[in-house]
């Protein structure tokens, strides 16, 4: 369990590094943040949902897993929701795919370093065994 926690921290570190250094990834993250903010404000103020309900519906809509009990009831809400889905789902999916690539490359790098350490340890053991002979 501690290993998984450490790895998830390592992967989060890689995501933050990529957000800082990669302009495209940072732009996608900012766009996603703005979309969630606009959606939350709309569903909170216009549809009269609670703030957390509006946030949950905004994030859920972008991830295609929105709670139906919070769906918009007004005509303007339904129209906004349609536009929000068309714009937001694509941005969300691209961001998630790029985040996944970052996690995969970080994991591959971690596995490579682990294999190198293991090989060095094995070589040191063999060298020690040779010296004893």
Protein backbone atom coordinates (compact mmCIF):
# COMPACT_ATOMS: atom_id res chain seq x y z
CA UNK A 1 0.00 0.00 0.00
CA UNK A 2 2.83 2.39 0.78
CA UNK A 3 4.36 1.66 -2.60
CA UNK A 4 1.14 2.68 -4.39
CA UNK A 5 0.95 5.86 -2.33
CA UNK A 6 4.54 6.71 -3.16
CA UNK A 7 4.01 6.00 -6.83
CA UNK A 8 0.88 8.12 -7.00
CA UNK A 9 2.85 10.96 -5.39
CA UNK A 10 5.60 10.48 -7.97
CA UNK A 11 3.08 10.55 -10.81
CA UNK A 12 1.42 13.67 -9.40
CA UNK A 13 4.87 15.26 -9.25
CA UNK A 14 5.39 14.40 -12.93
CA UNK A 15 1.99 15.92 -13.80
CA UNK A 16 2.86 19.14 -11.99
CA UNK A 17 6.26 19.28 -13.71
CA UNK A 18 4.58 18.83 -17.07
CA UNK A 19 2.01 21.52 -16.26
CA UNK A 20 4.86 23.90 -15.48
CA UNK A 21 7.05 23.08 -18.49
CA UNK A 22 4.66 22.03 -21.29
CA UNK A 23 2.77 24.98 -22.77
CA UNK A 24 0.15 22.86 -24.57
CA UNK A 25 -0.60 20.76 -21.49
CA UNK A 26 -0.78 23.90 -19.34
CA UNK A 27 -3.18 25.50 -21.83
CA UNK A 28 -5.39 22.40 -21.79
CA UNK A 29 -5.40 22.41 -17.99
CA UNK A 30 -6.29 26.09 -17.90
CA UNK A 31 -9.06 25.60 -20.48
CA UNK A 32 -10.48 22.72 -18.47
CA UNK A 33 -10.36 24.82 -15.29
CA UNK A 34 -12.19 27.70 -17.03
CA UNK A 35 -14.81 25.34 -18.45
CA UNK A 36 -15.48 23.82 -15.05
CA UNK A 37 -15.63 27.29 -13.49
CA UNK A 38 -18.05 28.65 -16.13
CA UNK A 39 -20.24 25.54 -15.93
CA UNK A 40 -20.28 25.62 -12.14
CA UNK A 41 -21.20 29.31 -12.05
CA UNK A 42 -23.96 28.83 -14.63
CA UNK A 43 -25.56 25.82 -12.96
CA UNK A 44 -25.18 27.46 -9.54
CA UNK A 45 -26.59 30.88 -10.43
CA UNK A 46 -29.01 30.19 -13.30
CA UNK A 47 -30.25 26.71 -12.44
CA UNK A 48 -30.27 27.46 -8.71
CA UNK A 49 -28.34 24.34 -7.69
CA UNK A 50 -26.13 24.33 -4.62
CA UNK A 51 -22.52 25.24 -5.32
CA UNK A 52 -21.28 21.68 -4.72
CA UNK A 53 -24.14 20.27 -6.79
CA UNK A 54 -23.30 22.64 -9.64
CA UNK A 55 -19.62 21.70 -9.40
CA UNK A 56 -20.48 17.99 -9.38
CA UNK A 57 -22.77 18.41 -12.37
CA UNK A 58 -20.16 20.43 -14.31
CA UNK A 59 -17.35 17.95 -13.73
CA UNK A 60 -19.72 15.01 -14.24
CA UNK A 61 -20.97 16.42 -17.54
CA UNK A 62 -17.43 16.82 -18.86
CA UNK A 63 -16.53 13.31 -17.77
CA UNK A 64 -19.82 12.02 -19.25
CA UNK A 65 -20.99 10.84 -15.84
CA UNK A 66 -23.24 13.63 -14.58
CA UNK A 67 -25.85 13.17 -11.84
CA UNK A 68 -29.29 13.25 -13.52
CA UNK A 69 -31.08 14.71 -10.53
CA UNK A 70 -29.13 17.95 -11.09
CA UNK A 71 -29.85 18.20 -14.82
CA UNK A 72 -30.96 21.64 -16.05
CA UNK A 73 -34.67 22.28 -16.06
CA UNK A 74 -34.93 25.64 -17.85
CA UNK A 75 -34.74 26.06 -21.62
CA UNK A 76 -31.64 28.26 -21.38
CA UNK A 77 -30.07 25.65 -19.07
CA UNK A 78 -30.67 22.86 -21.58
CA UNK A 79 -29.25 24.96 -24.43
CA UNK A 80 -26.20 25.90 -22.34
CA UNK A 81 -25.74 22.25 -21.38
CA UNK A 82 -25.71 21.15 -25.04
CA UNK A 83 -23.09 23.76 -25.94
CA UNK A 84 -21.14 22.96 -22.77
CA UNK A 85 -21.03 19.27 -23.70
CA UNK A 86 -19.89 19.92 -27.28
CA UNK A 87 -17.08 22.22 -26.19
CA UNK A 88 -16.09 20.65 -22.89
CA UNK A 89 -16.03 16.91 -23.50
CA UNK A 90 -13.34 17.21 -26.18
CA UNK A 91 -11.12 19.38 -23.98
CA UNK A 92 -11.65 17.01 -21.04
CA UNK A 93 -10.79 13.91 -23.08
CA UNK A 94 -7.66 15.44 -24.59
CA UNK A 95 -6.49 16.54 -21.13
CA UNK A 96 -7.13 13.09 -19.65
CA UNK A 97 -5.29 11.40 -22.56
CA UNK A 98 -2.29 13.70 -22.12
CA UNK A 99 -2.31 13.13 -18.35
CA UNK A 100 -2.39 9.39 -19.02
CA UNK A 101 0.63 9.68 -21.33
CA UNK A 102 2.48 11.53 -18.59
CA UNK A 103 1.68 8.85 -16.03
CA UNK A 104 2.68 6.04 -18.42
CA UNK A 105 6.01 7.66 -19.30
CA UNK A 106 6.73 8.32 -15.62
CA UNK A 107 5.93 4.70 -14.79
CA UNK A 108 8.16 3.42 -17.60
CA UNK A 109 11.00 5.62 -16.34
CA UNK A 110 10.46 4.37 -12.79
CA UNK A 111 10.48 0.72 -13.99
CA UNK A 112 13.65 1.35 -15.98
CA UNK A 113 15.44 2.83 -12.94
CA UNK A 114 14.24 -0.04 -10.78
CA UNK A 115 15.55 -2.60 -13.29
CA UNK A 116 18.90 -0.79 -13.46
CA UNK A 117 19.22 -0.83 -9.66
CA UNK A 118 18.33 -4.52 -9.61
CA UNK A 119 20.93 -5.28 -12.29
CA UNK A 120 23.60 -3.30 -10.41
CA UNK A 121 22.77 -5.15 -7.19
CA UNK A 122 22.99 -8.49 -8.99
CA UNK A 123 26.31 -7.54 -10.60
CA UNK A 124 27.70 -6.46 -7.23
CA UNK A 125 26.61 -9.78 -5.70
CA UNK A 126 28.25 -11.73 -8.52
CA UNK A 127 31.43 -9.66 -8.21
CA UNK A 128 31.50 -10.32 -4.45
CA UNK A 129 31.02 -14.04 -5.10
CA UNK A 130 33.87 -13.99 -7.66
CA UNK A 131 36.16 -12.26 -5.16
CA UNK A 132 35.49 -14.94 -2.57
CA UNK A 133 36.63 -17.65 -4.97
